[in-house]
Amino acid sequence: MSLKFILFGLLIFIFTGCLKTRNDVKEIETKQVLHKQMVDLQKNTADSSSRFSELEEQLRYANGRLETAEARLARLTAENEKKERSNSELLQESNKKMLIYQDALSKLEAQTQQYAAEVASLKAEMAQRGAKESSRSSKDSKKDSFATAQDLFKQKDWQSAIIEYQKYRDKNPKGKHVAEATYKIGVCFQELGLKDDAKTFYQEVIASFPNADESKKAKARLKGLK
């Protein structure tokens, strides 16, 4: 065997060994890279799974809050609808009452106007009556009590006539019309239904003026009272 052949063989062995070593190293490096990639992938997968779990938890929490919000919204909506119905009913009731009050107020105003007209009419009537009374008083002041009493007697104002006849009797105890005044006082009492008072004055006429015509009239009246 020649030296060249031995050297050539040795070179081939060395080269082959180097190639094998390089391949082994390369394979190891590849495995390491793959292992690292797998570890990274597993880590990323775990992180993704954890994050996905967190997202699911957040989603459940969000769904829970959404359901709570929806339930609260539904409750508030129902309450608002109930309040709106209640407010609508109250408004209708208030409108009805307002119409009733307005009607009552209109009637009250009409009655007030009617009363005001009646009061004005009454005042005018009283003023007119007062003017008549003043006129009559002015006329009566010019007359004596007996003449005034005679007018009142004709008007059948019995009470006022009694007062005026008595004034005449008080002022003129011996006047020429005392007998007539006394008799007519009795007539006034009789017309008023006061028979006992009427008898008293008839008897006074008979006792005080026995010869007067009024005495005869008084006797006739007494007989009629029995």
Protein backbone atom coordinates (compact mmCIF):
# COMPACT_ATOMS: atom_id res chain seq x y z
CA MET A 1 0.00 0.00 0.00
CA SER A 2 1.47 3.25 -0.99
CA LEU A 3 1.73 6.27 1.28
CA LYS A 4 -0.42 8.33 -1.04
CA PHE A 5 -3.18 5.89 -0.75
CA ILE A 6 -2.91 5.88 3.03
CA LEU A 7 -2.90 9.64 3.16
CA PHE A 8 -5.80 9.79 0.76
CA GLY A 9 -7.73 7.38 2.92
CA LEU A 10 -6.87 9.30 6.02
CA LEU A 11 -8.01 12.50 4.41
CA ILE A 12 -11.27 10.88 3.36
CA PHE A 13 -11.78 9.57 6.91
CA ILE A 14 -11.06 12.92 8.42
CA PHE A 15 -13.29 14.70 5.94
CA THR A 16 -16.04 12.17 6.46
CA GLY A 17 -15.75 12.55 10.19
CA CYS A 18 -15.85 16.27 9.87
CA LEU A 19 -18.89 16.07 7.69
CA LYS A 20 -20.55 13.74 10.15
CA THR A 21 -19.70 16.01 13.04
CA ARG A 22 -21.02 19.01 11.18
CA ASN A 23 -24.20 17.20 10.35
CA ASP A 24 -24.60 16.12 13.96
CA VAL A 25 -24.05 19.65 15.19
CA LYS A 26 -26.40 20.99 12.59
CA GLU A 27 -29.01 18.42 13.55
CA ILE A 28 -28.57 19.24 17.22
CA GLU A 29 -28.88 22.92 16.50
CA THR A 30 -31.96 22.25 14.43
CA LYS A 31 -33.47 20.19 17.24
CA GLN A 32 -32.65 22.92 19.71
CA VAL A 33 -34.25 25.52 17.48
CA LEU A 34 -37.30 23.32 17.01
CA HIS A 35 -37.43 22.66 20.76
CA LYS A 36 -37.19 26.36 21.48
CA GLN A 37 -39.84 27.10 18.91
CA MET A 38 -42.05 24.42 20.44
CA VAL A 39 -41.47 25.77 23.94
CA ASP A 40 -42.24 29.27 22.68
CA LEU A 41 -45.30 27.95 20.90
CA GLN A 42 -46.47 26.15 24.04
CA LYS A 43 -45.82 29.27 26.04
CA ASN A 44 -47.66 31.38 23.54
CA THR A 45 -50.47 28.85 23.50
CA ALA A 46 -50.65 28.91 27.29
CA ASP A 47 -50.60 32.69 27.26
CA SER A 48 -53.27 32.74 24.58
CA SER A 49 -55.36 30.23 26.53
CA SER A 50 -54.98 32.25 29.70
CA ARG A 51 -55.80 35.43 27.87
CA PHE A 52 -58.73 33.71 26.19
CA SER A 53 -59.94 32.59 29.63
CA GLU A 54 -59.58 36.14 30.87
CA LEU A 55 -61.47 37.39 27.85
CA GLU A 56 -64.19 34.80 28.46
CA GLU A 57 -64.39 35.89 32.10
CA GLN A 58 -64.55 39.53 31.06
CA LEU A 59 -67.18 38.63 28.49
CA ARG A 60 -69.27 36.80 31.13
CA TYR A 61 -68.87 39.76 33.48
CA ALA A 62 -69.85 42.14 30.69
CA ASN A 63 -72.84 39.93 29.83
CA GLY A 64 -73.84 39.89 33.52
CA ARG A 65 -73.64 43.66 33.70
CA LEU A 66 -75.54 43.93 30.43
CA GLU A 67 -78.28 41.65 31.73
CA THR A 68 -78.43 43.65 34.96
CA ALA A 69 -78.58 46.88 32.99
CA GLU A 70 -81.29 45.47 30.73
CA ALA A 71 -83.30 44.31 33.76
CA ARG A 72 -82.90 47.70 35.41
CA LEU A 73 -83.82 49.43 32.16
CA ALA A 74 -86.91 47.25 31.85
CA ARG A 75 -87.87 48.01 35.46
CA LEU A 76 -87.30 51.73 34.97
CA THR A 77 -89.28 51.63 31.73
CA ALA A 78 -92.17 49.89 33.48
CA GLU A 79 -92.01 52.38 36.35
CA ASN A 80 -91.91 55.31 33.93
CA GLU A 81 -94.87 53.92 32.02
CA LYS A 82 -96.73 53.49 35.30
CA LYS A 83 -95.85 57.03 36.34
CA GLU A 84 -96.87 58.34 32.93
CA ARG A 85 -100.23 56.59 33.22
CA SER A 86 -100.63 57.90 36.76
CA ASN A 87 -99.66 61.42 35.67
CA SER A 88 -102.05 61.17 32.74
CA GLU A 89 -104.87 60.10 35.05
CA LEU A 90 -104.00 62.91 37.48
CA LEU A 91 -103.94 65.39 34.61
CA GLN A 92 -107.34 64.20 33.38
CA GLU A 93 -108.72 64.41 36.92
CA SER A 94 -107.25 67.89 37.32
CA ASN A 95 -108.78 68.97 34.02
CA LYS A 96 -112.18 67.65 35.13
CA LYS A 97 -111.90 69.51 38.43
CA MET A 98 -110.77 72.64 36.60
CA LEU A 99 -113.82 72.47 34.35
CA ILE A 100 -116.05 72.03 37.42
CA TYR A 101 -114.37 74.98 39.16
CA GLN A 102 -114.68 77.14 36.05
CA ASP A 103 -118.36 76.26 35.72
CA ALA A 104 -118.94 77.01 39.41
CA LEU A 105 -117.01 80.27 39.07
CA SER A 106 -119.08 81.28 36.05
CA LYS A 107 -122.28 80.56 37.97
CA LEU A 108 -120.95 82.46 40.97
CA GLU A 109 -120.05 85.44 38.80
CA ALA A 110 -123.53 85.37 37.26
CA GLN A 111 -125.11 85.21 40.72
CA THR A 112 -122.84 88.03 41.91
CA GLN A 113 -123.90 90.19 38.99
CA GLN A 114 -127.53 89.35 39.69
CA TYR A 115 -127.11 90.21 43.37
CA ALA A 116 -125.32 93.42 42.46
CA ALA A 117 -128.20 94.37 40.18
CA GLU A 118 -130.71 93.52 42.90
CA VAL A 119 -128.73 95.54 45.46
CA ALA A 120 -128.55 98.49 43.08
CA SER A 121 -132.29 98.22 42.46
CA LEU A 122 -132.95 97.97 46.18
CA LYS A 123 -130.77 100.99 46.87
CA ALA A 124 -132.61 102.95 44.22
CA GLU A 125 -135.94 101.85 45.68
CA MET A 126 -134.81 102.78 49.20
CA ALA A 127 -133.57 106.13 47.97
CA GLN A 128 -136.91 106.74 46.24
CA ARG A 129 -138.79 105.63 49.35
CA GLY A 130 -136.56 107.81 51.48
CA ALA A 131 -137.35 110.75 49.22
CA LYS A 132 -141.06 110.02 49.57
CA GLU A 133 -140.75 109.67 53.34
CA SER A 134 -138.78 112.89 53.48
CA SER A 135 -141.41 114.57 51.38
CA ARG A 136 -144.18 113.17 53.53
CA SER A 137 -142.32 114.16 56.71
CA SER A 138 -141.89 117.63 55.30
CA LYS A 139 -145.60 117.80 54.59
CA ASP A 140 -146.49 116.27 57.92
CA SER A 141 -144.32 118.73 59.75
CA LYS A 142 -146.58 121.43 58.42
CA LYS A 143 -149.60 119.63 59.85
CA ASP A 144 -150.47 119.08 63.48
CA SER A 145 -150.42 115.61 64.99
CA PHE A 146 -154.15 115.16 64.63
CA ALA A 147 -154.18 115.92 60.90
CA THR A 148 -151.24 113.56 60.41
CA ALA A 149 -153.03 110.87 62.42
CA GLN A 150 -156.13 111.33 60.30
CA ASP A 151 -154.14 110.79 57.10
CA LEU A 152 -152.51 107.69 58.55
CA PHE A 153 -155.90 106.40 59.69
CA LYS A 154 -157.23 106.76 56.15
CA GLN A 155 -154.19 104.87 54.88
CA LYS A 156 -154.92 102.14 57.48
CA ASP A 157 -151.46 102.58 58.96
CA TRP A 158 -152.89 101.72 62.38
CA GLN A 159 -149.70 101.71 64.43
CA SER A 160 -148.46 105.07 63.10
CA ALA A 161 -151.93 106.53 63.52
CA ILE A 162 -152.04 105.45 67.19
CA ILE A 163 -148.71 107.22 67.82
CA GLU A 164 -149.84 110.47 66.16
CA TYR A 165 -153.25 110.44 67.91
CA GLN A 166 -151.50 109.95 71.24
CA LYS A 167 -149.10 112.83 70.46
CA TYR A 168 -152.11 115.04 69.85
CA ARG A 169 -153.72 113.91 73.14
CA ASP A 170 -150.50 114.56 75.06
CA LYS A 171 -150.04 118.03 73.57
CA ASN A 172 -153.74 118.96 73.68
CA PRO A 173 -155.36 117.25 76.70
CA LYS A 174 -158.40 119.58 76.32
CA GLY A 175 -158.35 119.95 72.56
CA LYS A 176 -161.48 119.83 70.49
CA HIS A 177 -160.43 116.55 68.80
CA VAL A 178 -159.49 114.62 71.95
CA ALA A 179 -162.72 112.57 71.96
CA GLU A 180 -162.28 111.62 68.28
CA ALA A 181 -158.58 110.89 68.78
CA THR A 182 -159.35 108.64 71.76
CA TYR A 183 -162.08 106.80 69.89
CA LYS A 184 -159.93 106.27 66.81
CA ILE A 185 -157.09 104.93 68.94
CA GLY A 186 -159.55 102.28 70.09
CA VAL A 187 -160.49 101.56 66.47
CA CYS A 188 -156.81 101.21 65.52
CA PHE A 189 -156.23 98.70 68.35
CA GLN A 190 -159.32 96.78 67.29
CA GLU A 191 -158.08 96.63 63.70
CA LEU A 192 -154.77 95.31 65.00
CA GLY A 193 -156.61 92.55 66.88
CA LEU A 194 -155.84 94.01 70.33
CA LYS A 195 -159.38 93.90 71.72
CA ASP A 196 -158.54 94.59 75.36
CA ASP A 197 -156.62 97.75 74.46
CA ALA A 198 -159.46 98.79 72.18
CA LYS A 199 -162.02 98.33 75.04
CA THR A 200 -159.91 100.53 77.32
CA PHE A 201 -160.07 103.50 74.91
CA TYR A 202 -163.75 102.95 74.05
CA GLN A 203 -164.56 102.98 77.76
CA GLU A 204 -162.47 106.14 78.20
CA VAL A 205 -164.46 107.87 75.44
CA ILE A 206 -167.78 106.83 77.05
CA ALA A 207 -166.67 107.95 80.51
CA SER A 208 -164.96 111.21 79.52
CA PHE A 209 -167.22 112.32 76.67
CA PRO A 210 -170.67 110.83 77.32
CA ASN A 211 -172.48 113.38 75.12
CA ALA A 212 -170.10 113.18 72.13
CA ASP A 213 -170.97 111.31 68.96
CA GLU A 214 -167.80 109.25 69.51
CA SER A 215 -169.33 107.95 72.77
CA LYS A 216 -172.25 106.43 70.86
CA LYS A 217 -169.85 104.90 68.35
CA ALA A 218 -167.70 103.52 71.16
CA LYS A 219 -170.72 101.84 72.79
CA ALA A 220 -171.63 100.20 69.47
CA ARG A 221 -168.04 98.97 69.11
CA LEU A 222 -168.05 97.54 72.63
CA LYS A 223 -171.20 95.57 71.90
CA GLY A 224 -169.54 94.17 68.81
CA LEU A 225 -166.51 93.07 70.85
CA LYS A 226 -168.60 91.03 73.35
